[in-house]
């Protein structure tokens, strides 16, 4: 169970820093971790190499790595209901869930993210 947030057809992706700026204005708690964002993309690259993915797919991730950010959002700093995801340039925001209950509980946060970013929500 997962969603991808992305611009409506024909619209451009927001820069990762702009995504964070908008989320910071919307949610009472936001955190950003640039090192973790880079580490997440490094793990993706390693897996793609292991799977012998097409070089253009690997190159895209390599190009994203230095500007990727890990973002955490919640209603407050102590809330157990939070979303954490990696934002990369020119790519959708992948949001995964551990269960159907987790997905249902996070739906309001996902909808607010999409609204404030001007993105659509796609179930994958």
PDB file of N, CA and C in Angstrom:
ATOM      1  N   UNK A   1       0.834  -1.174   0.000  1.00  0.00           N
ATOM      2  CA  UNK A   1       0.000   0.000   0.000  1.00  0.00           C
ATOM      3  C   UNK A   1       0.879   1.238   0.000  1.00  0.00           C
ATOM      4  N   UNK A   2       0.619   2.085  -0.962  1.00  0.00           N
ATOM      5  CA  UNK A   2       1.419   3.305  -1.067  1.00  0.00           C
ATOM      6  C   UNK A   2       0.700   4.312  -1.949  1.00  0.00           C
ATOM      7  N   UNK A   3       1.125   5.542  -1.810  1.00  0.00           N
ATOM      8  CA  UNK A   3       0.657   6.627  -2.668  1.00  0.00           C
ATOM      9  C   UNK A   3       1.875   7.347  -3.238  1.00  0.00           C
ATOM     10  N   UNK A   4       1.664   7.968  -4.373  1.00  0.00           N
ATOM     11  CA  UNK A   4       2.645   8.904  -4.919  1.00  0.00           C
ATOM     12  C   UNK A   4       1.941  10.235  -5.092  1.00  0.00           C
ATOM     13  N   UNK A   5       2.562  11.279  -4.577  1.00  0.00           N
ATOM     14  CA  UNK A   5       2.072  12.641  -4.784  1.00  0.00           C
ATOM     15  C   UNK A   5       2.873  13.244  -5.929  1.00  0.00           C
ATOM     16  N   UNK A   6       2.165  13.807  -6.898  1.00  0.00           N
ATOM     17  CA  UNK A   6       2.842  14.399  -8.049  1.00  0.00           C
ATOM     18  C   UNK A   6       1.977  15.496  -8.643  1.00  0.00           C
ATOM     19  N   UNK A   7       2.594  16.380  -9.435  1.00  0.00           N
ATOM     20  CA  UNK A   7       1.824  17.469 -10.037  1.00  0.00           C
ATOM     21  C   UNK A   7       0.756  16.933 -10.987  1.00  0.00           C
ATOM     22  N   UNK A   8      -0.285  17.714 -11.149  1.00  0.00           N
ATOM     23  CA  UNK A   8      -1.304  17.368 -12.138  1.00  0.00           C
ATOM     24  C   UNK A   8      -0.652  17.371 -13.517  1.00  0.00           C
ATOM     25  N   UNK A   9      -1.271  16.695 -14.457  1.00  0.00           N
ATOM     26  CA  UNK A   9      -0.733  16.588 -15.813  1.00  0.00           C
ATOM     27  C   UNK A   9      -0.292  17.943 -16.354  1.00  0.00           C
ATOM     28  N   UNK A  10       0.943  17.978 -16.837  1.00  0.00           N
ATOM     29  CA  UNK A  10       1.466  19.192 -17.445  1.00  0.00           C
ATOM     30  C   UNK A  10       2.126  20.162 -16.487  1.00  0.00           C
ATOM     31  N   UNK A  11       1.902  20.016 -15.196  1.00  0.00           N
ATOM     32  CA  UNK A  11       2.508  20.920 -14.211  1.00  0.00           C
ATOM     33  C   UNK A  11       3.923  20.443 -13.868  1.00  0.00           C
ATOM     34  N   UNK A  12       4.730  21.347 -13.372  1.00  0.00           N
ATOM     35  CA  UNK A  12       6.108  21.028 -13.002  1.00  0.00           C
ATOM     36  C   UNK A  12       6.194  20.579 -11.548  1.00  0.00           C
ATOM     37  N   UNK A  13       7.200  19.768 -11.261  1.00  0.00           N
ATOM     38  CA  UNK A  13       7.488  19.386  -9.883  1.00  0.00           C
ATOM     39  C   UNK A  13       8.028  20.593  -9.135  1.00  0.00           C
ATOM     40  N   UNK A  14       7.703  20.676  -7.870  1.00  0.00           N
ATOM     41  CA  UNK A  14       8.278  21.707  -7.014  1.00  0.00           C
ATOM     42  C   UNK A  14       9.686  21.293  -6.613  1.00  0.00           C
ATOM     43  N   UNK A  15      10.557  22.272  -6.423  1.00  0.00           N
ATOM     44  CA  UNK A  15      11.889  22.016  -5.902  1.00  0.00           C
ATOM     45  C   UNK A  15      11.762  21.453  -4.482  1.00  0.00           C
ATOM     46  N   UNK A  16      12.623  20.526  -4.069  1.00  0.00           N
ATOM     47  CA  UNK A  16      12.523  19.972  -2.715  1.00  0.00           C
ATOM     48  C   UNK A  16      12.477  21.029  -1.611  1.00  0.00           C
ATOM     49  N   UNK A  17      13.245  22.091  -1.746  1.00  0.00           N
ATOM     50  CA  UNK A  17      13.229  23.141  -0.721  1.00  0.00           C
ATOM     51  C   UNK A  17      11.879  23.856  -0.679  1.00  0.00           C
ATOM     52  N   UNK A  18      11.243  24.024  -1.833  1.00  0.00           N
ATOM     53  CA  UNK A  18       9.919  24.642  -1.884  1.00  0.00           C
ATOM     54  C   UNK A  18       8.878  23.711  -1.278  1.00  0.00           C
ATOM     55  N   UNK A  19       9.013  22.415  -1.508  1.00  0.00           N
ATOM     56  CA  UNK A  19       8.115  21.444  -0.874  1.00  0.00           C
ATOM     57  C   UNK A  19       8.206  21.596   0.639  1.00  0.00           C
ATOM     58  N   UNK A  20       9.426  21.618   1.165  1.00  0.00           N
ATOM     59  CA  UNK A  20       9.592  21.734   2.615  1.00  0.00           C
ATOM     60  C   UNK A  20       9.036  23.058   3.129  1.00  0.00           C
ATOM     61  N   UNK A  21       9.277  24.142   2.410  1.00  0.00           N
ATOM     62  CA  UNK A  21       8.770  25.456   2.836  1.00  0.00           C
ATOM     63  C   UNK A  21       7.251  25.433   2.956  1.00  0.00           C
ATOM     64  N   UNK A  22       6.585  24.877   1.974  1.00  0.00           N
ATOM     65  CA  UNK A  22       5.119  24.828   2.006  1.00  0.00           C
ATOM     66  C   UNK A  22       4.605  23.924   3.122  1.00  0.00           C
ATOM     67  N   UNK A  23       5.268  22.799   3.321  1.00  0.00           N
ATOM     68  CA  UNK A  23       4.834  21.894   4.390  1.00  0.00           C
ATOM     69  C   UNK A  23       5.065  22.529   5.758  1.00  0.00           C
ATOM     70  N   UNK A  24       6.163  23.259   5.905  1.00  0.00           N
ATOM     71  CA  UNK A  24       6.469  23.926   7.178  1.00  0.00           C
ATOM     72  C   UNK A  24       5.390  24.948   7.532  1.00  0.00           C
ATOM     73  N   UNK A  25       4.819  25.599   6.519  1.00  0.00           N
ATOM     74  CA  UNK A  25       3.748  26.567   6.756  1.00  0.00           C
ATOM     75  C   UNK A  25       2.428  25.888   7.111  1.00  0.00           C
ATOM     76  N   UNK A  26       2.250  24.655   6.674  1.00  0.00           N
ATOM     77  CA  UNK A  26       0.974  23.952   6.851  1.00  0.00           C
ATOM     78  C   UNK A  26       0.899  23.159   8.152  1.00  0.00           C
ATOM     79  N   UNK A  27       1.994  22.524   8.546  1.00  0.00           N
ATOM     80  CA  UNK A  27       1.973  21.604   9.684  1.00  0.00           C
ATOM     81  C   UNK A  27       2.687  22.202  10.885  1.00  0.00           C
ATOM     82  N   UNK A  28       2.182  21.874  12.078  1.00  0.00           N
ATOM     83  CA  UNK A  28       2.783  22.394  13.307  1.00  0.00           C
ATOM     84  C   UNK A  28       4.166  21.811  13.563  1.00  0.00           C
ATOM     85  N   UNK A  29       4.404  20.586  13.068  1.00  0.00           N
ATOM     86  CA  UNK A  29       5.724  19.980  13.242  1.00  0.00           C
ATOM     87  C   UNK A  29       6.254  19.542  11.880  1.00  0.00           C
ATOM     88  N   UNK A  30       7.438  20.027  11.539  1.00  0.00           N
ATOM     89  CA  UNK A  30       8.145  19.582  10.335  1.00  0.00           C
ATOM     90  C   UNK A  30       9.621  19.456  10.673  1.00  0.00           C
ATOM     91  N   UNK A  31      10.246  18.447  10.112  1.00  0.00           N
ATOM     92  CA  UNK A  31      11.684  18.261  10.285  1.00  0.00           C
ATOM     93  C   UNK A  31      12.273  17.909   8.926  1.00  0.00           C
ATOM     94  N   UNK A  32      13.499  18.345   8.709  1.00  0.00           N
ATOM     95  CA  UNK A  32      14.190  18.069   7.451  1.00  0.00           C
ATOM     96  C   UNK A  32      15.550  17.477   7.779  1.00  0.00           C
ATOM     97  N   UNK A  33      15.955  16.476   6.998  1.00  0.00           N
ATOM     98  CA  UNK A  33      17.261  15.848   7.187  1.00  0.00           C
ATOM     99  C   UNK A  33      17.873  15.616   5.802  1.00  0.00           C
ATOM    100  N   UNK A  34      18.800  16.470   5.450  1.00  0.00           N
ATOM    101  CA  UNK A  34      19.433  16.365   4.133  1.00  0.00           C
ATOM    102  C   UNK A  34      20.335  15.140   4.030  1.00  0.00           C
ATOM    103  N   UNK A  35      21.055  14.819   5.095  1.00  0.00           N
ATOM    104  CA  UNK A  35      21.927  13.639   5.075  1.00  0.00           C
ATOM    105  C   UNK A  35      21.117  12.362   4.887  1.00  0.00           C
ATOM    106  N   UNK A  36      20.019  12.253   5.602  1.00  0.00           N
ATOM    107  CA  UNK A  36      19.165  11.071   5.474  1.00  0.00           C
ATOM    108  C   UNK A  36      18.572  10.983   4.071  1.00  0.00           C
ATOM    109  N   UNK A  37      18.181  12.115   3.506  1.00  0.00           N
ATOM    110  CA  UNK A  37      17.674  12.115   2.134  1.00  0.00           C
ATOM    111  C   UNK A  37      18.704  11.563   1.163  1.00  0.00           C
ATOM    112  N   UNK A  38      19.937  12.011   1.298  1.00  0.00           N
ATOM    113  CA  UNK A  38      21.025  11.522   0.453  1.00  0.00           C
ATOM    114  C   UNK A  38      21.274  10.034   0.680  1.00  0.00           C
ATOM    115  N   UNK A  39      21.210   9.601   1.945  1.00  0.00           N
ATOM    116  CA  UNK A  39      21.419   8.187   2.267  1.00  0.00           C
ATOM    117  C   UNK A  39      20.328   7.301   1.668  1.00  0.00           C
ATOM    118  N   UNK A  40      19.088   7.771   1.698  1.00  0.00           N
ATOM    119  CA  UNK A  40      17.981   7.007   1.115  1.00  0.00           C
ATOM    120  C   UNK A  40      18.213   6.820  -0.379  1.00  0.00           C
ATOM    121  N   UNK A  41      18.595   7.885  -1.055  1.00  0.00           N
ATOM    122  CA  UNK A  41      18.838   7.787  -2.498  1.00  0.00           C
ATOM    123  C   UNK A  41      20.048   6.895  -2.774  1.00  0.00           C
ATOM    124  N   UNK A  42      21.076   6.951  -1.942  1.00  0.00           N
ATOM    125  CA  UNK A  42      22.235   6.068  -2.108  1.00  0.00           C
ATOM    126  C   UNK A  42      21.813   4.602  -2.031  1.00  0.00           C
ATOM    127  N   UNK A  43      20.905   4.290  -1.113  1.00  0.00           N
ATOM    128  CA  UNK A  43      20.409   2.913  -0.997  1.00  0.00           C
ATOM    129  C   UNK A  43      19.611   2.514  -2.241  1.00  0.00           C
ATOM    130  N   UNK A  44      18.843   3.445  -2.774  1.00  0.00           N
ATOM    131  CA  UNK A  44      18.089   3.179  -4.010  1.00  0.00           C
ATOM    132  C   UNK A  44      19.062   2.903  -5.152  1.00  0.00           C
ATOM    133  N   UNK A  45      20.094   3.713  -5.260  1.00  0.00           N
ATOM    134  CA  UNK A  45      21.094   3.534  -6.316  1.00  0.00           C
ATOM    135  C   UNK A  45      21.756   2.166  -6.196  1.00  0.00           C
ATOM    136  N   UNK A  46      22.154   1.799  -4.982  1.00  0.00           N
ATOM    137  CA  UNK A  46      22.798   0.500  -4.774  1.00  0.00           C
ATOM    138  C   UNK A  46      21.882  -0.643  -5.207  1.00  0.00           C
ATOM    139  N   UNK A  47      20.608  -0.544  -4.865  1.00  0.00           N
ATOM    140  CA  UNK A  47      19.654  -1.592  -5.239  1.00  0.00           C
ATOM    141  C   UNK A  47      19.460  -1.630  -6.755  1.00  0.00           C
ATOM    142  N   UNK A  48      19.374  -0.466  -7.386  1.00  0.00           N
ATOM    143  CA  UNK A  48      19.221  -0.421  -8.841  1.00  0.00           C
ATOM    144  C   UNK A  48      20.424  -1.039  -9.546  1.00  0.00           C
ATOM    145  N   UNK A  49      21.622  -0.766  -9.050  1.00  0.00           N
ATOM    146  CA  UNK A  49      22.834  -1.360  -9.622  1.00  0.00           C
ATOM    147  C   UNK A  49      22.792  -2.873  -9.453  1.00  0.00           C
ATOM    148  N   UNK A  50      22.423  -3.316  -8.260  1.00  0.00           N
ATOM    149  CA  UNK A  50      22.326  -4.756  -7.983  1.00  0.00           C
ATOM    150  C   UNK A  50      21.332  -5.437  -8.925  1.00  0.00           C
ATOM    151  N   UNK A  51      20.225  -4.753  -9.211  1.00  0.00           N
ATOM    152  CA  UNK A  51      19.187  -5.316 -10.082  1.00  0.00           C
ATOM    153  C   UNK A  51      19.485  -5.100 -11.565  1.00  0.00           C
ATOM    154  N   UNK A  52      20.623  -4.471 -11.846  1.00  0.00           N
ATOM    155  CA  UNK A  52      21.015  -4.180 -13.228  1.00  0.00           C
ATOM    156  C   UNK A  52      19.948  -3.368 -13.965  1.00  0.00           C
ATOM    157  N   UNK A  53      19.482  -2.322 -13.294  1.00  0.00           N
ATOM    158  CA  UNK A  53      18.485  -1.416 -13.872  1.00  0.00           C
ATOM    159  C   UNK A  53      19.104  -0.670 -15.052  1.00  0.00           C
ATOM    160  N   UNK A  54      18.273  -0.147 -15.945  1.00  0.00           N
ATOM    161  CA  UNK A  54      18.806   0.650 -17.057  1.00  0.00           C
ATOM    162  C   UNK A  54      19.641   1.825 -16.537  1.00  0.00           C
ATOM    163  N   UNK A  55      20.711   2.129 -17.237  1.00  0.00           N
ATOM    164  CA  UNK A  55      21.634   3.173 -16.793  1.00  0.00           C
ATOM    165  C   UNK A  55      20.944   4.518 -16.622  1.00  0.00           C
ATOM    166  N   UNK A  56      19.970   4.836 -17.482  1.00  0.00           N
ATOM    167  CA  UNK A  56      19.291   6.135 -17.360  1.00  0.00           C
ATOM    168  C   UNK A  56      18.498   6.235 -16.058  1.00  0.00           C
ATOM    169  N   UNK A  57      17.998   5.108 -15.568  1.00  0.00           N
ATOM    170  CA  UNK A  57      17.283   5.097 -14.287  1.00  0.00           C
ATOM    171  C   UNK A  57      18.270   5.357 -13.146  1.00  0.00           C
ATOM    172  N   UNK A  58      19.412   4.712 -13.213  1.00  0.00           N
ATOM    173  CA  UNK A  58      20.455   4.916 -12.202  1.00  0.00           C
ATOM    174  C   UNK A  58      20.959   6.360 -12.257  1.00  0.00           C
ATOM    175  N   UNK A  59      21.204   6.855 -13.462  1.00  0.00           N
ATOM    176  CA  UNK A  59      21.700   8.227 -13.622  1.00  0.00           C
ATOM    177  C   UNK A  59      20.729   9.255 -13.044  1.00  0.00           C
ATOM    178  N   UNK A  60      19.430   9.021 -13.212  1.00  0.00           N
ATOM    179  CA  UNK A  60      18.431   9.939 -12.655  1.00  0.00           C
ATOM    180  C   UNK A  60      18.567  10.014 -11.137  1.00  0.00           C
ATOM    181  N   UNK A  61      18.703   8.870 -10.489  1.00  0.00           N
ATOM    182  CA  UNK A  61      18.835   8.844  -9.032  1.00  0.00           C
ATOM    183  C   UNK A  61      20.138   9.514  -8.585  1.00  0.00           C
ATOM    184  N   UNK A  62      21.221   9.257  -9.316  1.00  0.00           N
ATOM    185  CA  UNK A  62      22.506   9.890  -8.988  1.00  0.00           C
ATOM    186  C   UNK A  62      22.371  11.410  -9.063  1.00  0.00           C
ATOM    187  N   UNK A  63      21.681  11.892 -10.095  1.00  0.00           N
ATOM    188  CA  UNK A  63      21.491  13.337 -10.257  1.00  0.00           C
ATOM    189  C   UNK A  63      20.649  13.934  -9.134  1.00  0.00           C
ATOM    190  N   UNK A  64      19.772  13.142  -8.544  1.00  0.00           N
ATOM    191  CA  UNK A  64      18.895  13.611  -7.460  1.00  0.00           C
ATOM    192  C   UNK A  64      19.563  13.603  -6.091  1.00  0.00           C
ATOM    193  N   UNK A  65      20.567  12.778  -5.921  1.00  0.00           N
ATOM    194  CA  UNK A  65      21.084  12.466  -4.583  1.00  0.00           C
ATOM    195  C   UNK A  65      21.496  13.690  -3.771  1.00  0.00           C
ATOM    196  N   UNK A  66      22.202  14.618  -4.357  1.00  0.00           N
ATOM    197  CA  UNK A  66      22.714  15.768  -3.597  1.00  0.00           C
ATOM    198  C   UNK A  66      21.625  16.730  -3.141  1.00  0.00           C
ATOM    199  N   UNK A  67      20.447  16.680  -3.770  1.00  0.00           N
ATOM    200  CA  UNK A  67      19.378  17.619  -3.415  1.00  0.00           C
ATOM    201  C   UNK A  67      18.191  16.933  -2.748  1.00  0.00           C
ATOM    202  N   UNK A  68      18.303  15.637  -2.519  1.00  0.00           N
ATOM    203  CA  UNK A  68      17.211  14.905  -1.865  1.00  0.00           C
ATOM    204  C   UNK A  68      17.149  15.287  -0.388  1.00  0.00           C
ATOM    205  N   UNK A  69      15.924  15.369   0.126  1.00  0.00           N
ATOM    206  CA  UNK A  69      15.737  15.664   1.551  1.00  0.00           C
ATOM    207  C   UNK A  69      14.744  14.672   2.147  1.00  0.00           C
ATOM    208  N   UNK A  70      14.980  14.324   3.381  1.00  0.00           N
ATOM    209  CA  UNK A  70      14.046  13.495   4.139  1.00  0.00           C
ATOM    210  C   UNK A  70      13.190  14.450   4.966  1.00  0.00           C
ATOM    211  N   UNK A  71      11.883  14.284   4.883  1.00  0.00           N
ATOM    212  CA  UNK A  71      10.948  15.180   5.556  1.00  0.00           C
ATOM    213  C   UNK A  71      10.059  14.371   6.491  1.00  0.00           C
ATOM    214  N   UNK A  72       9.800  14.945   7.656  1.00  0.00           N
ATOM    215  CA  UNK A  72       8.851  14.357   8.605  1.00  0.00           C
ATOM    216  C   UNK A  72       7.847  15.443   8.959  1.00  0.00           C
ATOM    217  N   UNK A  73       6.547  15.091   8.902  1.00  0.00           N
ATOM    218  CA  UNK A  73       5.496  16.049   9.244  1.00  0.00           C
ATOM    219  C   UNK A  73       4.513  15.414  10.213  1.00  0.00           C
ATOM    220  N   UNK A  74       3.962  16.249  11.096  1.00  0.00           N
ATOM    221  CA  UNK A  74       2.959  15.787  12.062  1.00  0.00           C
ATOM    222  C   UNK A  74       2.217  17.001  12.602  1.00  0.00           C
ATOM    223  N   UNK A  75       1.171  16.720  13.349  1.00  0.00           N
ATOM    224  CA  UNK A  75       0.417  17.800  13.987  1.00  0.00           C
ATOM    225  C   UNK A  75       1.204  18.440  15.122  1.00  0.00           C
ATOM    226  N   UNK A  76       2.066  17.645  15.770  1.00  0.00           N
ATOM    227  CA  UNK A  76       2.924  18.185  16.824  1.00  0.00           C
ATOM    228  C   UNK A  76       4.135  17.274  16.974  1.00  0.00           C
ATOM    229  N   UNK A  77       5.125  17.729  17.716  1.00  0.00           N
ATOM    230  CA  UNK A  77       6.402  17.026  17.822  1.00  0.00           C
ATOM    231  C   UNK A  77       6.317  15.681  18.529  1.00  0.00           C
ATOM    232  N   UNK A  78       5.286  15.452  19.323  1.00  0.00           N
ATOM    233  CA  UNK A  78       5.189  14.197  20.070  1.00  0.00           C
ATOM    234  C   UNK A  78       4.149  13.237  19.497  1.00  0.00           C
ATOM    235  N   UNK A  79       3.512  13.621  18.426  1.00  0.00           N
ATOM    236  CA  UNK A  79       2.471  12.790  17.829  1.00  0.00           C
ATOM    237  C   UNK A  79       3.050  11.492  17.270  1.00  0.00           C
ATOM    238  N   UNK A  80       2.338  10.399  17.494  1.00  0.00           N
ATOM    239  CA  UNK A  80       2.721   9.126  16.894  1.00  0.00           C
ATOM    240  C   UNK A  80       2.200   9.020  15.464  1.00  0.00           C
ATOM    241  N   UNK A  81       1.305   9.910  15.079  1.00  0.00           N
ATOM    242  CA  UNK A  81       0.773   9.952  13.719  1.00  0.00           C
ATOM    243  C   UNK A  81       1.587  10.957  12.917  1.00  0.00           C
ATOM    244  N   UNK A  82       2.496  10.448  12.109  1.00  0.00           N
ATOM    245  CA  UNK A  82       3.341  11.316  11.302  1.00  0.00           C
ATOM    246  C   UNK A  82       3.624  10.653   9.960  1.00  0.00           C
ATOM    247  N   UNK A  83       4.023  11.457   9.008  1.00  0.00           N
ATOM    248  CA  UNK A  83       4.485  10.969   7.715  1.00  0.00           C
ATOM    249  C   UNK A  83       5.960  11.287   7.582  1.00  0.00           C
ATOM    250  N   UNK A  84       6.695  10.357   7.007  1.00  0.00           N
ATOM    251  CA  UNK A  84       8.107  10.577   6.721  1.00  0.00           C
ATOM    252  C   UNK A  84       8.358  10.087   5.303  1.00  0.00           C
ATOM    253  N   UNK A  85       9.015  10.914   4.503  1.00  0.00           N
ATOM    254  CA  UNK A  85       9.244  10.558   3.106  1.00  0.00           C
ATOM    255  C   UNK A  85      10.430  11.345   2.562  1.00  0.00           C
ATOM    256  N   UNK A  86      10.925  10.889   1.421  1.00  0.00           N
ATOM    257  CA  UNK A  86      12.046  11.536   0.752  1.00  0.00           C
ATOM    258  C   UNK A  86      11.517  12.354  -0.413  1.00  0.00           C
ATOM    259  N   UNK A  87      12.000  13.582  -0.518  1.00  0.00           N
ATOM    260  CA  UNK A  87      11.630  14.465  -1.626  1.00  0.00           C
ATOM    261  C   UNK A  87      12.869  14.639  -2.500  1.00  0.00           C
ATOM    262  N   UNK A  88      12.704  14.314  -3.793  1.00  0.00           N
ATOM    263  CA  UNK A  88      13.794  14.427  -4.758  1.00  0.00           C
ATOM    264  C   UNK A  88      13.380  15.392  -5.864  1.00  0.00           C
ATOM    265  N   UNK A  89      14.347  16.054  -6.483  1.00  0.00           N
ATOM    266  CA  UNK A  89      14.006  16.941  -7.592  1.00  0.00           C
ATOM    267  C   UNK A  89      13.383  16.161  -8.751  1.00  0.00           C
ATOM    268  N   UNK A  90      12.360  16.735  -9.344  1.00  0.00           N
ATOM    269  CA  UNK A  90      11.742  16.177 -10.549  1.00  0.00           C
ATOM    270  C   UNK A  90      11.255  14.745 -10.385  1.00  0.00           C
ATOM    271  N   UNK A  91      10.715  14.451  -9.202  1.00  0.00           N
ATOM    272  CA  UNK A  91      10.210  13.104  -8.938  1.00  0.00           C
ATOM    273  C   UNK A  91       9.021  13.191  -7.990  1.00  0.00           C
ATOM    274  N   UNK A  92       8.134  12.209  -8.083  1.00  0.00           N
ATOM    275  CA  UNK A  92       6.988  12.155  -7.190  1.00  0.00           C
ATOM    276  C   UNK A  92       7.411  11.826  -5.769  1.00  0.00           C
ATOM    277  N   UNK A  93       6.527  12.110  -4.840  1.00  0.00           N
ATOM    278  CA  UNK A  93       6.782  11.823  -3.428  1.00  0.00           C
ATOM    279  C   UNK A  93       6.106  10.502  -3.093  1.00  0.00           C
ATOM    280  N   UNK A  94       6.918   9.487  -2.800  1.00  0.00           N
ATOM    281  CA  UNK A  94       6.425   8.154  -2.474  1.00  0.00           C
ATOM    282  C   UNK A  94       6.127   8.090  -0.982  1.00  0.00           C
ATOM    283  N   UNK A  95       4.897   7.684  -0.647  1.00  0.00           N
ATOM    284  CA  UNK A  95       4.500   7.531   0.753  1.00  0.00           C
ATOM    285  C   UNK A  95       4.023   6.098   0.943  1.00  0.00           C
ATOM    286  N   UNK A  96       4.756   5.337   1.747  1.00  0.00           N
ATOM    287  CA  UNK A  96       4.411   3.948   2.018  1.00  0.00           C
ATOM    288  C   UNK A  96       3.784   3.794   3.391  1.00  0.00           C
ATOM    289  N   UNK A  97       3.072   2.695   3.567  1.00  0.00           N
ATOM    290  CA  UNK A  97       2.362   2.426   4.821  1.00  0.00           C
ATOM    291  C   UNK A  97       2.693   1.018   5.301  1.00  0.00           C
ATOM    292  N   UNK A  98       2.601   0.811   6.604  1.00  0.00           N
ATOM    293  CA  UNK A  98       2.881  -0.504   7.171  1.00  0.00           C
ATOM    294  C   UNK A  98       1.641  -1.382   7.234  1.00  0.00           C
ATOM    295  N   UNK A  99       0.461  -0.772   7.137  1.00  0.00           N
ATOM    296  CA  UNK A  99      -0.789  -1.534   7.216  1.00  0.00           C
ATOM    297  C   UNK A  99      -1.930  -0.693   6.650  1.00  0.00           C
ATOM    298  N   UNK A 100      -3.066  -1.333   6.459  1.00  0.00           N
ATOM    299  CA  UNK A 100      -4.262  -0.609   6.011  1.00  0.00           C
ATOM    300  C   UNK A 100      -4.698   0.403   7.068  1.00  0.00           C
ATOM    301  N   UNK A 101      -4.526   0.053   8.331  1.00  0.00           N
ATOM    302  CA  UNK A 101      -4.885   0.965   9.415  1.00  0.00           C
ATOM    303  C   UNK A 101      -3.997   2.209   9.396  1.00  0.00           C
ATOM    304  N   UNK A 102      -2.710   1.991   9.158  1.00  0.00           N
ATOM    305  CA  UNK A 102      -1.772   3.112   9.069  1.00  0.00           C
ATOM    306  C   UNK A 102      -2.153   4.015   7.900  1.00  0.00           C
ATOM    307  N   UNK A 103      -2.480   3.409   6.760  1.00  0.00           N
ATOM    308  CA  UNK A 103      -2.887   4.193   5.590  1.00  0.00           C
ATOM    309  C   UNK A 103      -4.122   5.039   5.899  1.00  0.00           C
ATOM    310  N   UNK A 104      -5.117   4.431   6.537  1.00  0.00           N
ATOM    311  CA  UNK A 104      -6.349   5.163   6.863  1.00  0.00           C
ATOM    312  C   UNK A 104      -6.068   6.301   7.843  1.00  0.00           C
ATOM    313  N   UNK A 105      -5.225   6.045   8.841  1.00  0.00           N
ATOM    314  CA  UNK A 105      -4.914   7.068   9.841  1.00  0.00           C
ATOM    315  C   UNK A 105      -4.144   8.241   9.229  1.00  0.00           C
ATOM    316  N   UNK A 106      -3.330   7.956   8.229  1.00  0.00           N
ATOM    317  CA  UNK A 106      -2.497   8.993   7.619  1.00  0.00           C
ATOM    318  C   UNK A 106      -3.196   9.741   6.489  1.00  0.00           C
ATOM    319  N   UNK A 107      -4.345   9.266   6.066  1.00  0.00           N
ATOM    320  CA  UNK A 107      -5.032   9.870   4.918  1.00  0.00           C
ATOM    321  C   UNK A 107      -5.230  11.389   5.060  1.00  0.00           C
ATOM    322  N   UNK A 108      -5.661  11.896   6.223  1.00  0.00           N
ATOM    323  CA  UNK A 108      -5.809  13.358   6.334  1.00  0.00           C
ATOM    324  C   UNK A 108      -4.488  14.117   6.126  1.00  0.00           C
ATOM    325  N   UNK A 109      -3.378  13.571   6.620  1.00  0.00           N
ATOM    326  CA  UNK A 109      -2.083  14.228   6.418  1.00  0.00           C
ATOM    327  C   UNK A 109      -1.687  14.196   4.944  1.00  0.00           C
ATOM    328  N   UNK A 110      -1.924  13.061   4.288  1.00  0.00           N
ATOM    329  CA  UNK A 110      -1.600  12.937   2.863  1.00  0.00           C
ATOM    330  C   UNK A 110      -2.418  13.937   2.051  1.00  0.00           C
ATOM    331  N   UNK A 111      -3.699  14.040   2.359  1.00  0.00           N
ATOM    332  CA  UNK A 111      -4.563  14.973   1.629  1.00  0.00           C
ATOM    333  C   UNK A 111      -4.123  16.418   1.835  1.00  0.00           C
ATOM    334  N   UNK A 112      -3.725  16.762   3.054  1.00  0.00           N
ATOM    335  CA  UNK A 112      -3.232  18.125   3.306  1.00  0.00           C
ATOM    336  C   UNK A 112      -1.935  18.384   2.551  1.00  0.00           C
ATOM    337  N   UNK A 113      -1.048  17.398   2.531  1.00  0.00           N
ATOM    338  CA  UNK A 113       0.197  17.546   1.765  1.00  0.00           C
ATOM    339  C   UNK A 113      -0.113  17.830   0.302  1.00  0.00           C
ATOM    340  N   UNK A 114      -0.970  17.009  -0.272  1.00  0.00           N
ATOM    341  CA  UNK A 114      -1.308  17.170  -1.688  1.00  0.00           C
ATOM    342  C   UNK A 114      -1.909  18.549  -1.946  1.00  0.00           C
ATOM    343  N   UNK A 115      -2.810  18.972  -1.073  1.00  0.00           N
ATOM    344  CA  UNK A 115      -3.470  20.262  -1.259  1.00  0.00           C
ATOM    345  C   UNK A 115      -2.471  21.415  -1.212  1.00  0.00           C
ATOM    346  N   UNK A 116      -1.615  21.434  -0.201  1.00  0.00           N
ATOM    347  CA  UNK A 116      -0.682  22.551  -0.035  1.00  0.00           C
ATOM    348  C   UNK A 116       0.387  22.563  -1.139  1.00  0.00           C
ATOM    349  N   UNK A 117       0.688  21.395  -1.703  1.00  0.00           N
ATOM    350  CA  UNK A 117       1.679  21.324  -2.773  1.00  0.00           C
ATOM    351  C   UNK A 117       1.056  21.498  -4.158  1.00  0.00           C
ATOM    352  N   UNK A 118      -0.269  21.411  -4.227  1.00  0.00           N
ATOM    353  CA  UNK A 118      -0.931  21.454  -5.525  1.00  0.00           C
ATOM    354  C   UNK A 118      -0.696  20.175  -6.313  1.00  0.00           C
ATOM    355  N   UNK A 119      -0.519  19.066  -5.600  1.00  0.00           N
ATOM    356  CA  UNK A 119      -0.240  17.767  -6.208  1.00  0.00           C
ATOM    357  C   UNK A 119      -1.485  16.891  -6.165  1.00  0.00           C
ATOM    358  N   UNK A 120      -1.480  15.875  -7.009  1.00  0.00           N
ATOM    359  CA  UNK A 120      -2.535  14.871  -6.983  1.00  0.00           C
ATOM    360  C   UNK A 120      -2.029  13.634  -6.243  1.00  0.00           C
ATOM    361  N   UNK A 121      -2.962  12.826  -5.766  1.00  0.00           N
ATOM    362  CA  UNK A 121      -2.641  11.604  -5.032  1.00  0.00           C
ATOM    363  C   UNK A 121      -2.954  10.425  -5.938  1.00  0.00           C
ATOM    364  N   UNK A 122      -1.960   9.565  -6.112  1.00  0.00           N
ATOM    365  CA  UNK A 122      -2.158   8.369  -6.930  1.00  0.00           C
ATOM    366  C   UNK A 122      -1.874   7.136  -6.081  1.00  0.00           C
ATOM    367  N   UNK A 123      -2.816   6.208  -6.051  1.00  0.00           N
ATOM    368  CA  UNK A 123      -2.633   4.943  -5.345  1.00  0.00           C
ATOM    369  C   UNK A 123      -1.799   4.017  -6.212  1.00  0.00           C
ATOM    370  N   UNK A 124      -0.761   3.440  -5.629  1.00  0.00           N
ATOM    371  CA  UNK A 124       0.053   2.476  -6.382  1.00  0.00           C
ATOM    372  C   UNK A 124       0.141   1.164  -5.639  1.00  0.00           C
TER     373      UNK A 124
END
